[in-house]
Amino acid sequence: MNTARLLRNTALTYPRALAVAHGPRPVYDYAGLAARVARLAGGLRTRLNLAPTERVVVAMANRPDYFEVLFGLWHAGLVAVPVNFRLHENEIAYVVESSGAKACLADDALAERLANLPQVRQGRLPVVSVETAEYQRLLRGDELALSEAGPEDPAWLFYTSGTTGRPKGATLTHRNLMVLTLTFLADIDQLRVGDSMVHAAPLSHGCGLWSIPALAAGTTNVVPEGASYQPAEAVSLLGHYRNVTMYHAPTMLTRLVNDAGAQGADYRNLRTLIYGGSHMYRADLERALALLGPRLVQIYGQGESPNTISLLSKAQHLETRHPRHDARLNSAGYTRTGVEIQVADEADRPLPPGELGQVLVRGDIVMRGYWNNPEATLETLKGGWLHTGDLGTLEADGLLTLKDRAKDMLISGGSNIYPREVEEALLGHADVLEVSVVGRPHREWGEEVVAFVVPRPGCNLTEAALDEHCLNRIARYKRPRAYRFVDSLPKSAYNKILKTELRRQLSREADQEQRG
C-alpha cells in the first residue's frame, strides 16, 4: 500500500497530463515526474545510504520540487518529516532529534540556516539543498523499483504540539494517506485529469496532504511563484487554469474577499475553495459566499486525523431556507466518510445530543500514534478514540459545533501557537519574573499573541528586549504582538494563573477602544 503507487499508476494512465506547474509555467508531466521520483529514490538509497523506514526531514518553502521529494521518499520506502519553513532553527533541531532523522532535503535558504545545527556540525545529519549540483547527482542514478510498504508502516511524521507546547510527531501511515485520498475524492471534490489544484498554503502541512489525491487523480498541481500568499496572484492563476481547487486558511480567505482587486475578478474557473484550520468570522464568511458563490467547503481536522473529521459542503453553505442554516454556518459541519465522532464527558462517557464535551474521533484516518511517545499516545488514543482536545456539541441531526479548545492553543494566521512554548521562551530572559500568554481576536489573523509580563523588581524591561529575546528562540510568527507589563498575575486559590481574567482585561480594553 505504498502511497507512491498512486503517482506511478497515474503516470502509466496519463503520462502526458501536466502534473506540476510553477505559476503559469508548466514544469513536469506525469511521466516526467514519476521518472524523477524513481531516480531520486535510487539516489537516496545508494548515494545517501538511506535504508527503508528511516526518516528524512523536508525543510523548504513551497516549490515545484516538493512533490518529487515527498513521493521520492515514499518510493524509496522512507518516512517524510516535513517542517514549516518558518520555524526557528532550534525548533527544527528538536524535530530532527525527536524523529531520529538521517538526512534533510532543503532549499538554499533553509540549508544555510540549518548549517549550525548540532546534528549538522557533528556530521550526523547530511543536508542536501534541492537547488544544488549535489541534489542533481541524486537524480542521475538508475530508477529504483517501488519499495514495498505495509498499510501500518509510517509515511509522514506530522509534527504538532500538545498542551505542553513540545512538538509530537503524529505518525501517519500509508493507510492514513490512502484514506485521506479516498475521502477527499468522496466528500470534497471529484478531481479529474485536466483539473487544477493551486497550493497557496504551506506544503509542509494540510496543503501538502491535499496534493496526494490531486496527484492520484491526474490533476495539475500549481505552486504560486510568490514567496508568500498574495490574493492578486491567486486570482490571476484562475485565468491560466480550469476547474481549480484551492485551500485557504480563514485568514487567507479574509484577505481575498477584502482585496480590492478580487471584487471584480472572474471566478468561473474556480470550482472549489476549501477553508479550515481555525475559526472563520461569520461576517467574513458571508462576504466570501457573496463574492465566490457556490464554491466554499469547510473542513475540520487536525494533524492526528489529517484534514478529515467533519465537513460543511458547498450545498450546505447555500441552503438558506434550511431551518438550521444559521447553525450550520456557525458549525464545523457533518461527519466525514469513514469517520465516527462522539462528544464525551471527562470520563469518556458519550453525552446526549447538544451537551458540551470533548470531541472524540475514530476511524482509519486516525494516526497510528505519536512517534516514540507511548505515554502521549495512550493518553490521546485512550479507549480507541482520538481525543481532539476540542470542546463541542453534537446535535441529534449530526451537526458538530466547536465551542472552545480544551487546550490553551491559539491559532494565528492558520498556524498553531502554544502559549506555554512562548511563556518558556520569555521566562528564559533574566529580567522576567512571571509571564502568561493568551490570544486576543484579530480580524485578519484570527488571533494574535499577547504576553502579560511581571518584570523582576528594579529591572527596566522593554518590549524591544523581549522581542529580540524571542526571535533568538522561537519562530517569528509565534512571538507576542503586544506586551502588558503588570505588577502581578491573577491567580486562583490553588496558585494557578487565571487566564480567563487576562482575556477579560483584553476584552475590556477592546470595548474601551471602540467607545473611544
Protein backbone atom coordinates (compact mmCIF):
# COMPACT_ATOMS: atom_id res chain seq x y z
CA MET A 1 0.00 0.00 0.00
CA ASN A 2 2.88 2.39 -0.73
CA THR A 3 1.44 5.88 -1.28
CA ALA A 4 3.92 6.38 -4.14
CA ARG A 5 1.98 3.77 -6.11
CA LEU A 6 -0.75 6.38 -6.64
CA LEU A 7 1.63 8.56 -8.65
CA ARG A 8 3.02 5.60 -10.59
CA ASN A 9 -0.46 4.49 -11.61
CA THR A 10 -1.38 8.00 -12.78
CA ALA A 11 1.84 8.24 -14.80
CA LEU A 12 1.06 4.94 -16.56
CA THR A 13 -2.50 6.00 -17.36
CA TYR A 14 -1.98 9.69 -18.19
CA PRO A 15 1.74 10.09 -18.97
CA ARG A 16 1.39 13.39 -20.87
CA ALA A 17 -1.00 15.10 -18.46
CA LEU A 18 0.53 18.13 -16.75
CA ALA A 19 1.49 17.18 -13.19
CA VAL A 20 3.29 20.26 -11.83
CA ALA A 21 3.32 23.93 -12.78
CA HIS A 22 5.06 26.98 -11.29
CA GLY A 23 2.73 29.92 -11.62
CA PRO A 24 1.61 29.89 -15.27
CA ARG A 25 4.66 27.85 -16.37
CA PRO A 26 4.44 24.06 -16.97
CA VAL A 27 7.19 22.09 -15.20
CA TYR A 28 6.63 18.29 -15.38
CA ASP A 29 4.14 15.96 -16.98
CA TYR A 30 3.21 12.79 -15.08
CA ALA A 31 5.68 10.57 -16.93
CA GLY A 32 8.50 13.03 -16.23
CA LEU A 33 7.56 13.46 -12.57
CA ALA A 34 7.33 9.69 -11.98
CA ALA A 35 10.74 9.15 -13.61
CA ARG A 36 12.34 11.83 -11.44
CA VAL A 37 10.72 10.30 -8.34
CA ALA A 38 12.11 6.85 -9.15
CA ARG A 39 15.60 8.23 -9.83
CA LEU A 40 15.55 10.35 -6.67
CA ALA A 41 14.54 7.26 -4.70
CA GLY A 42 17.54 5.45 -6.14
CA GLY A 43 19.86 8.32 -5.25
CA LEU A 44 18.56 8.50 -1.69
CA ARG A 45 19.15 4.79 -1.19
CA THR A 46 22.56 4.47 -2.92
CA ARG A 47 24.23 7.88 -2.58
CA LEU A 48 22.91 8.84 0.86
CA ASN A 49 22.81 5.21 2.04
CA LEU A 50 19.33 5.59 3.49
CA ALA A 51 17.52 2.40 4.45
CA PRO A 52 13.74 1.79 4.33
CA THR A 53 11.74 3.28 7.25
CA GLU A 54 14.46 5.85 8.03
CA ARG A 55 13.23 9.41 8.45
CA VAL A 56 14.15 12.39 6.26
CA VAL A 57 13.33 15.98 7.20
CA VAL A 58 11.90 18.13 4.42
CA ALA A 59 12.66 21.80 5.11
CA MET A 60 11.73 24.07 2.26
CA ALA A 61 9.27 26.70 1.18
CA ASN A 62 6.70 25.84 -1.48
CA ARG A 63 8.41 24.98 -4.77
CA PRO A 64 7.79 22.55 -7.66
CA ASP A 65 10.37 20.06 -6.28
CA TYR A 66 8.27 19.49 -3.16
CA PHE A 67 6.12 16.83 -4.81
CA GLU A 68 9.05 14.82 -6.17
CA VAL A 69 10.72 14.96 -2.76
CA LEU A 70 7.67 13.63 -0.91
CA PHE A 71 6.95 10.88 -3.42
CA GLY A 72 10.66 10.11 -3.87
CA LEU A 73 10.94 9.43 -0.15
CA TRP A 74 7.92 7.13 -0.19
CA HIS A 75 9.07 5.39 -3.38
CA ALA A 76 12.31 4.57 -1.56
CA GLY A 77 10.43 3.27 1.49
CA LEU A 78 11.48 6.25 3.62
CA VAL A 79 9.44 8.40 6.00
CA ALA A 80 8.88 12.09 5.24
CA VAL A 81 9.18 14.59 8.11
CA PRO A 82 8.06 17.94 6.65
CA VAL A 83 8.67 21.02 8.80
CA ASN A 84 7.30 24.53 8.50
CA PHE A 85 9.99 26.61 6.79
CA ARG A 86 9.20 29.47 9.17
CA LEU A 87 10.29 27.53 12.26
CA HIS A 88 13.32 28.66 14.22
CA GLU A 89 16.45 26.54 13.79
CA ASN A 90 16.20 25.38 17.41
CA GLU A 91 12.69 24.09 16.74
CA ILE A 92 13.82 22.22 13.64
CA ALA A 93 16.72 20.77 15.63
CA TYR A 94 14.21 19.35 18.11
CA VAL A 95 12.21 17.71 15.29
CA VAL A 96 15.43 16.25 13.85
CA GLU A 97 16.40 14.77 17.20
CA SER A 98 12.92 13.54 18.07
CA SER A 99 12.36 11.83 14.72
CA GLY A 100 15.86 10.39 14.54
CA ALA A 101 16.17 11.79 11.02
CA LYS A 102 19.11 10.53 8.98
CA ALA A 103 19.09 13.29 6.35
CA CYS A 104 17.46 16.57 5.40
CA LEU A 105 16.33 17.85 2.00
CA ALA A 106 16.04 21.63 1.97
CA ASP A 107 16.12 24.72 -0.22
CA ASP A 108 19.15 27.01 -0.22
CA ALA A 109 17.75 29.41 2.38
CA LEU A 110 16.89 26.65 4.86
CA ALA A 111 20.12 24.75 4.21
CA GLU A 112 22.11 27.87 5.13
CA ARG A 113 20.10 28.36 8.32
CA LEU A 114 20.48 24.71 9.32
CA ALA A 115 24.25 24.67 8.87
CA ASN A 116 24.77 25.47 12.56
CA LEU A 117 22.51 22.74 13.93
CA PRO A 118 24.44 20.46 16.31
CA GLN A 119 23.43 17.42 14.25
CA VAL A 120 24.82 19.03 11.09
CA ARG A 121 28.07 20.28 12.65
CA GLN A 122 28.69 16.83 14.16
CA GLY A 123 28.18 15.14 10.80
CA ARG A 124 25.08 13.23 11.93
CA LEU A 125 22.69 14.97 9.52
CA PRO A 126 23.60 15.48 5.86
CA VAL A 127 21.65 18.43 4.44
CA VAL A 128 21.15 18.48 0.67
CA SER A 129 19.68 21.56 -0.97
CA VAL A 130 17.40 20.84 -3.93
CA GLU A 131 18.98 23.87 -5.63
CA THR A 132 22.48 22.37 -5.80
CA ALA A 133 24.50 20.08 -8.05
CA GLU A 134 24.58 17.57 -5.21
CA TYR A 135 20.81 17.14 -5.49
CA GLN A 136 21.08 16.80 -9.27
CA ARG A 137 23.51 13.94 -8.72
CA LEU A 138 20.82 12.18 -6.68
CA LEU A 139 18.62 12.37 -9.77
CA ARG A 140 21.19 10.90 -12.18
CA GLY A 141 21.17 7.32 -10.97
CA ASP A 142 19.11 4.37 -12.08
CA GLU A 143 15.42 4.30 -11.33
CA LEU A 144 14.62 2.35 -8.18
CA ALA A 145 11.83 -0.21 -8.17
CA LEU A 146 8.91 0.83 -5.99
CA SER A 147 9.59 -0.21 -2.39
CA GLU A 148 7.07 -2.34 -0.57
CA ALA A 149 5.20 -0.74 2.31
CA GLY A 150 2.54 -2.18 4.58
CA PRO A 151 -0.66 -0.34 5.48
CA GLU A 152 0.57 0.38 9.02
CA ASP A 153 4.07 1.46 8.00
CA PRO A 154 4.80 5.14 8.74
CA ALA A 155 4.81 7.51 5.77
CA TRP A 156 4.62 11.07 7.19
CA LEU A 157 5.54 12.31 10.67
CA PHE A 158 3.27 15.31 11.13
CA TYR A 159 4.78 17.31 13.98
CA THR A 160 2.18 19.01 16.08
CA SER A 161 2.22 20.27 19.67
CA GLY A 162 0.19 19.41 22.73
CA THR A 163 -0.68 21.25 25.89
CA THR A 164 2.97 21.40 26.92
CA GLY A 165 3.93 23.06 23.65
CA ARG A 166 6.58 20.41 22.94
CA PRO A 167 6.18 19.05 19.42
CA LYS A 168 4.91 15.50 18.97
CA GLY A 169 5.18 13.54 15.75
CA ALA A 170 1.78 12.24 14.70
CA THR A 171 2.65 9.04 12.83
CA LEU A 172 0.61 8.98 9.64
CA THR A 173 0.71 5.60 7.92
CA HIS A 174 0.27 4.67 4.28
CA ARG A 175 -3.25 3.56 5.24
CA ASN A 176 -3.96 7.03 6.69
CA LEU A 177 -2.81 8.72 3.49
CA MET A 178 -4.83 6.33 1.33
CA VAL A 179 -7.95 7.00 3.41
CA LEU A 180 -7.31 10.76 3.18
CA THR A 181 -7.12 10.41 -0.61
CA LEU A 182 -10.31 8.38 -0.95
CA THR A 183 -12.34 10.53 1.43
CA PHE A 184 -11.22 13.71 -0.35
CA LEU A 185 -12.49 12.31 -3.63
CA ALA A 186 -15.67 11.05 -1.97
CA ASP A 187 -16.57 14.11 0.11
CA ILE A 188 -14.90 17.23 -1.25
CA ASP A 189 -14.02 17.21 -4.94
CA GLN A 190 -14.30 14.83 -7.88
CA LEU A 191 -10.87 15.67 -9.30
CA ARG A 192 -10.13 14.65 -12.88
CA VAL A 193 -7.33 14.83 -15.44
CA GLY A 194 -7.01 18.39 -16.68
CA ASP A 195 -8.33 19.91 -13.45
CA SER A 196 -6.01 22.00 -11.29
CA MET A 197 -5.11 22.42 -7.63
CA VAL A 198 -3.42 25.67 -6.60
CA HIS A 199 -1.24 25.23 -3.49
CA ALA A 200 -1.32 28.68 -1.90
CA ALA A 201 -0.70 27.42 1.67
CA PRO A 202 2.42 25.63 3.03
CA LEU A 203 3.00 22.18 1.52
CA SER A 204 4.54 21.08 4.83
CA HIS A 205 1.05 20.89 6.32
CA GLY A 206 -2.50 20.30 5.10
CA CYS A 207 -1.87 21.64 1.62
CA GLY A 208 0.82 19.01 1.06
CA LEU A 209 -1.60 16.31 2.15
CA TRP A 210 -4.13 17.58 -0.41
CA SER A 211 -1.55 17.06 -3.16
CA ILE A 212 -1.85 13.28 -2.72
CA PRO A 213 -5.45 12.99 -4.02
CA ALA A 214 -4.61 15.58 -6.68
CA LEU A 215 -1.69 13.53 -7.99
CA ALA A 216 -3.71 10.33 -7.71
CA ALA A 217 -6.39 11.84 -9.96
CA GLY A 218 -4.07 13.27 -12.61
CA THR A 219 -4.71 16.88 -11.63
CA THR A 220 -2.24 19.70 -12.30
CA ASN A 221 -0.55 20.85 -9.07
CA VAL A 222 0.21 24.57 -9.28
CA VAL A 223 2.75 26.25 -6.99
CA PRO A 224 2.37 30.06 -6.98
CA GLU A 225 5.54 31.99 -7.81
CA GLY A 226 5.25 34.44 -4.90
CA ALA A 227 7.19 33.73 -1.73
CA SER A 228 4.07 34.44 0.37
CA TYR A 229 0.34 34.43 -0.21
CA GLN A 230 -0.94 37.26 -2.38
CA PRO A 231 -4.65 37.44 -3.29
CA ALA A 232 -3.82 39.04 -6.64
CA GLU A 233 -1.66 36.09 -7.64
CA ALA A 234 -4.28 33.56 -6.54
CA VAL A 235 -6.87 35.35 -8.65
CA SER A 236 -4.54 35.67 -11.65
CA LEU A 237 -3.92 31.91 -11.71
CA LEU A 238 -7.64 31.40 -12.31
CA GLY A 239 -7.04 32.86 -15.75
CA HIS A 240 -4.48 30.16 -16.59
CA TYR A 241 -6.09 27.00 -15.20
CA ARG A 242 -9.54 25.47 -15.30
CA ASN A 243 -11.62 23.67 -12.69
CA VAL A 244 -9.38 25.00 -9.92
CA THR A 245 -9.45 23.68 -6.37
CA MET A 246 -7.51 25.54 -3.69
CA TYR A 247 -7.19 25.57 0.08
CA HIS A 248 -7.21 28.78 2.13
CA ALA A 249 -6.79 29.21 5.85
CA PRO A 250 -9.57 31.55 7.06
CA THR A 251 -7.10 34.42 7.30
CA MET A 252 -6.19 33.92 3.64
CA LEU A 253 -9.84 33.82 2.63
CA THR A 254 -10.49 37.02 4.58
CA ARG A 255 -7.62 38.72 2.78
CA LEU A 256 -9.01 37.54 -0.54
CA VAL A 257 -12.54 38.87 -0.01
CA ASN A 258 -11.21 42.19 1.34
CA ASP A 259 -8.79 42.68 -1.54
CA ALA A 260 -9.95 45.43 -3.90
CA GLY A 261 -8.70 43.57 -6.96
CA ALA A 262 -10.67 40.47 -6.04
CA GLN A 263 -14.04 42.18 -6.19
CA GLY A 264 -14.36 42.28 -9.98
CA ALA A 265 -12.42 39.10 -10.71
CA ASP A 266 -13.68 36.25 -12.86
CA TYR A 267 -14.20 33.16 -10.69
CA ARG A 268 -15.68 30.88 -13.35
CA ASN A 269 -12.54 28.70 -13.31
CA LEU A 270 -12.67 28.32 -9.51
CA ARG A 271 -14.58 25.14 -8.73
CA THR A 272 -13.83 24.59 -5.04
CA LEU A 273 -12.25 26.68 -2.29
CA ILE A 274 -11.62 24.66 0.86
CA TYR A 275 -11.20 26.58 4.10
CA GLY A 276 -10.49 25.46 7.65
CA GLY A 277 -7.84 25.26 10.33
CA SER A 278 -9.25 27.99 12.58
CA HIS A 279 -12.40 29.98 13.26
CA MET A 280 -13.96 31.90 10.39
CA TYR A 281 -15.81 35.05 11.46
CA ARG A 282 -19.42 34.91 10.32
CA ALA A 283 -19.33 38.32 8.61
CA ASP A 284 -16.23 37.31 6.64
CA LEU A 285 -17.85 34.02 5.65
CA GLU A 286 -20.94 35.82 4.37
CA ARG A 287 -18.76 38.17 2.32
CA ALA A 288 -16.92 35.18 0.88
CA LEU A 289 -20.19 33.50 -0.06
CA ALA A 290 -21.39 36.70 -1.72
CA LEU A 291 -18.15 37.03 -3.69
CA LEU A 292 -17.46 33.41 -4.60
CA GLY A 293 -20.90 31.84 -4.68
CA PRO A 294 -21.36 28.03 -4.56
CA ARG A 295 -17.68 27.16 -4.21
CA LEU A 296 -16.91 27.03 -0.48
CA VAL A 297 -16.25 23.85 1.50
CA GLN A 298 -15.37 23.98 5.21
CA ILE A 299 -13.25 21.20 6.71
CA TYR A 300 -12.38 20.34 10.30
CA GLY A 301 -9.41 18.09 11.03
CA GLN A 302 -6.08 18.05 12.81
CA GLY A 303 -2.67 16.51 12.32
CA GLU A 304 -3.68 13.39 14.23
CA SER A 305 -6.68 12.89 11.93
CA PRO A 306 -5.25 14.61 8.87
CA ASN A 307 -7.66 17.12 7.36
CA THR A 308 -10.53 14.71 8.00
CA ILE A 309 -13.09 14.88 10.81
CA SER A 310 -16.12 16.83 9.58
CA LEU A 311 -17.20 18.95 6.63
CA LEU A 312 -19.76 21.55 5.56
CA SER A 313 -20.40 21.05 1.85
CA LYS A 314 -20.96 23.60 -0.90
CA ALA A 315 -24.68 22.87 -0.94
CA GLN A 316 -24.99 23.17 2.84
CA HIS A 317 -23.37 26.62 2.73
CA LEU A 318 -26.10 27.86 0.38
CA GLU A 319 -29.27 26.20 1.67
CA THR A 320 -30.62 29.45 3.11
CA ARG A 321 -34.12 28.00 3.55
CA HIS A 322 -32.89 25.13 5.69
CA PRO A 323 -34.20 25.57 9.27
CA ARG A 324 -30.66 25.06 10.61
CA HIS A 325 -28.92 27.36 8.13
CA ASP A 326 -27.57 29.80 10.73
CA ALA A 327 -26.41 26.95 12.97
CA ARG A 328 -24.70 25.30 10.03
CA LEU A 329 -22.70 28.41 9.14
CA ASN A 330 -21.52 28.61 12.75
CA SER A 331 -20.65 24.91 12.89
CA ALA A 332 -17.91 22.50 11.81
CA GLY A 333 -20.33 20.58 9.62
CA TYR A 334 -21.12 16.87 9.49
CA THR A 335 -19.11 13.68 9.95
CA ARG A 336 -16.80 12.70 7.08
CA THR A 337 -16.95 9.39 5.24
CA GLY A 338 -15.42 6.55 7.28
CA VAL A 339 -15.19 8.67 10.45
CA GLU A 340 -17.02 8.29 13.76
CA ILE A 341 -17.50 11.27 16.08
CA GLN A 342 -18.81 11.38 19.62
CA VAL A 343 -18.84 14.06 22.29
CA ALA A 344 -17.95 12.76 25.73
CA ASP A 345 -17.62 13.91 29.31
CA GLU A 346 -14.41 13.82 31.37
CA ALA A 347 -14.86 10.07 31.96
CA ASP A 348 -15.24 9.48 28.20
CA ARG A 349 -18.95 8.70 28.56
CA PRO A 350 -20.96 9.72 25.48
CA LEU A 351 -23.12 12.77 26.11
CA PRO A 352 -26.69 13.34 24.89
CA PRO A 353 -27.19 15.49 21.77
CA GLY A 354 -26.48 19.16 22.32
CA GLU A 355 -24.41 18.77 25.50
CA LEU A 356 -20.91 20.24 25.63
CA GLY A 357 -17.95 17.89 25.91
CA GLN A 358 -14.71 16.83 24.29
CA VAL A 359 -14.82 15.81 20.64
CA LEU A 360 -13.62 12.22 20.15
CA VAL A 361 -12.88 10.66 16.76
CA ARG A 362 -12.09 7.22 15.43
CA GLY A 363 -11.63 5.58 12.04
CA ASP A 364 -8.90 4.51 9.64
CA ILE A 365 -7.92 8.16 9.15
CA VAL A 366 -6.64 8.47 12.75
CA MET A 367 -2.87 8.34 13.26
CA ARG A 368 -1.10 5.21 14.49
CA GLY A 369 0.23 7.17 17.47
CA TYR A 370 2.92 9.68 18.39
CA TRP A 371 6.44 8.81 17.26
CA ASN A 372 8.44 7.32 20.16
CA ASN A 373 5.99 8.76 22.69
CA PRO A 374 3.92 5.90 24.12
CA GLU A 375 2.65 7.91 27.10
CA ALA A 376 1.16 10.64 24.92
CA THR A 377 -0.21 8.01 22.54
CA LEU A 378 -2.02 6.18 25.33
CA GLU A 379 -3.50 9.42 26.63
CA THR A 380 -4.60 10.72 23.23
CA LEU A 381 -5.91 7.40 21.84
CA LYS A 382 -7.45 6.19 25.09
CA GLY A 383 -10.20 3.64 24.52
CA GLY A 384 -9.54 3.59 20.80
CA TRP A 385 -10.76 7.16 20.29
CA LEU A 386 -8.69 10.19 19.29
CA HIS A 387 -9.13 12.81 21.99
CA THR A 388 -9.00 16.02 19.97
CA GLY A 389 -8.78 18.42 22.93
CA ASP A 390 -11.61 20.44 21.32
CA LEU A 391 -14.87 21.10 23.12
CA GLY A 392 -18.09 20.97 21.15
CA THR A 393 -21.63 19.76 20.79
CA LEU A 394 -23.04 17.07 18.52
CA GLU A 395 -26.70 17.55 17.67
CA ALA A 396 -29.24 14.81 17.01
CA ASP A 397 -29.05 15.57 13.28
CA GLY A 398 -25.26 15.04 13.30
CA LEU A 399 -24.22 18.70 13.22
CA LEU A 400 -20.92 19.28 15.05
CA THR A 401 -20.27 22.70 16.57
CA LEU A 402 -16.96 23.60 18.21
CA LYS A 403 -17.33 25.80 21.25
CA ASP A 404 -13.83 26.14 22.65
CA ARG A 405 -10.46 24.43 22.86
CA ALA A 406 -9.72 22.39 25.92
CA LYS A 407 -6.08 23.23 25.35
CA ASP A 408 -4.82 26.76 25.57
CA MET A 409 -3.60 26.62 21.98
CA LEU A 410 -4.35 29.65 19.86
CA ILE A 411 -4.33 29.91 16.07
CA SER A 412 -2.84 32.91 14.30
CA GLY A 413 -2.75 33.10 10.53
CA GLY A 414 -3.64 29.42 10.31
CA SER A 415 -0.62 28.37 12.42
CA ASN A 416 -0.90 26.72 15.82
CA ILE A 417 0.76 28.63 18.64
CA TYR A 418 1.10 27.10 22.09
CA PRO A 419 1.21 29.64 24.93
CA ARG A 420 3.45 27.58 27.19
CA GLU A 421 6.10 27.41 24.48
CA VAL A 422 6.10 31.22 24.22
CA GLU A 423 6.00 31.55 28.00
CA GLU A 424 9.01 29.30 28.39
CA ALA A 425 10.92 31.38 25.86
CA LEU A 426 10.08 34.60 27.70
CA LEU A 427 10.91 33.12 31.09
CA GLY A 428 14.41 32.50 29.78
CA HIS A 429 15.00 36.26 29.95
CA ALA A 430 16.83 37.17 33.14
CA ASP A 431 14.55 40.15 33.83
CA VAL A 432 11.24 38.26 33.54
CA LEU A 433 9.76 37.10 36.83
CA GLU A 434 6.41 35.73 35.66
CA VAL A 435 4.57 35.59 32.37
CA SER A 436 1.28 34.40 30.95
CA VAL A 437 0.41 34.30 27.25
CA VAL A 438 -3.11 34.47 25.86
CA GLY A 439 -4.69 35.17 22.50
CA ARG A 440 -6.94 38.04 21.58
CA PRO A 441 -9.15 38.24 18.48
CA HIS A 442 -7.59 39.78 15.40
CA ARG A 443 -9.68 40.45 12.32
CA GLU A 444 -7.03 39.45 9.78
CA TRP A 445 -5.06 36.76 11.61
CA GLY A 446 -7.84 35.20 13.67
CA GLU A 447 -5.89 35.61 16.91
CA GLU A 448 -2.71 37.35 17.97
CA VAL A 449 -0.37 36.62 20.86
CA VAL A 450 -0.39 38.92 23.91
CA ALA A 451 2.05 38.40 26.77
CA PHE A 452 1.38 39.61 30.31
CA VAL A 453 4.81 40.05 31.90
CA VAL A 454 5.83 40.65 35.51
CA PRO A 455 9.37 42.16 35.45
CA ARG A 456 11.85 41.43 38.20
CA PRO A 457 12.00 44.28 40.73
CA GLY A 458 14.32 47.08 39.73
CA CYS A 459 14.65 45.98 36.09
CA ASN A 460 13.98 48.27 33.17
CA LEU A 461 12.39 45.72 30.84
CA THR A 462 11.36 46.82 27.33
CA GLU A 463 9.26 45.31 24.56
CA ALA A 464 12.21 45.56 22.19
CA ALA A 465 14.38 43.48 24.50
CA LEU A 466 11.72 40.79 24.81
CA ASP A 467 11.16 40.75 21.04
CA GLU A 468 14.85 40.23 20.41
CA HIS A 469 14.96 37.52 23.07
CA CYS A 470 12.03 35.65 21.47
CA LEU A 471 13.40 35.88 17.95
CA ASN A 472 16.53 34.08 19.09
CA ARG A 473 14.49 31.17 20.44
CA ILE A 474 11.19 30.68 18.61
CA ALA A 475 9.74 31.31 15.17
CA ARG A 476 8.88 34.91 14.33
CA TYR A 477 5.17 34.19 13.90
CA LYS A 478 4.96 32.87 17.48
CA ARG A 479 6.34 35.94 19.21
CA PRO A 480 3.94 38.22 21.11
CA ARG A 481 2.43 41.06 19.10
CA ALA A 482 1.77 43.02 22.28
CA TYR A 483 3.09 43.10 25.86
CA ARG A 484 1.40 44.13 29.05
CA PHE A 485 3.80 44.89 31.91
CA VAL A 486 1.97 44.20 35.18
CA ASP A 487 2.85 44.05 38.88
CA SER A 488 1.27 40.62 39.34
CA LEU A 489 -0.82 37.99 37.58
CA PRO A 490 -4.30 37.00 38.76
CA LYS A 491 -4.25 33.59 40.45
CA SER A 492 -6.69 31.11 41.93
CA ALA A 493 -6.66 29.70 45.44
CA TYR A 494 -4.56 26.85 44.06
CA ASN A 495 -1.99 29.38 42.79
CA LYS A 496 -2.90 28.79 39.14
CA ILE A 497 -2.80 31.77 36.83
CA LEU A 498 -6.32 32.78 35.75
CA LYS A 499 -6.01 33.27 32.01
CA THR A 500 -9.74 33.96 31.85
CA GLU A 501 -9.11 37.17 33.81
CA LEU A 502 -6.39 38.21 31.39
CA ARG A 503 -8.70 37.63 28.43
CA ARG A 504 -11.39 39.70 30.15
CA GLN A 505 -8.87 42.54 30.57
CA LEU A 506 -8.12 42.44 26.83
CA SER A 507 -11.84 42.38 26.09
CA ARG A 508 -12.38 45.45 28.29
CA GLU A 509 -9.54 47.24 26.50
CA ALA A 510 -11.14 46.45 23.15
CA ASP A 511 -14.51 47.76 24.35
CA GLN A 512 -12.92 50.99 25.58
CA GLU A 513 -11.16 51.48 22.24
CA GLN A 514 -14.44 51.03 20.37
CA ARG A 515 -16.24 53.51 22.64
CA GLY A 516 -13.35 55.95 22.37
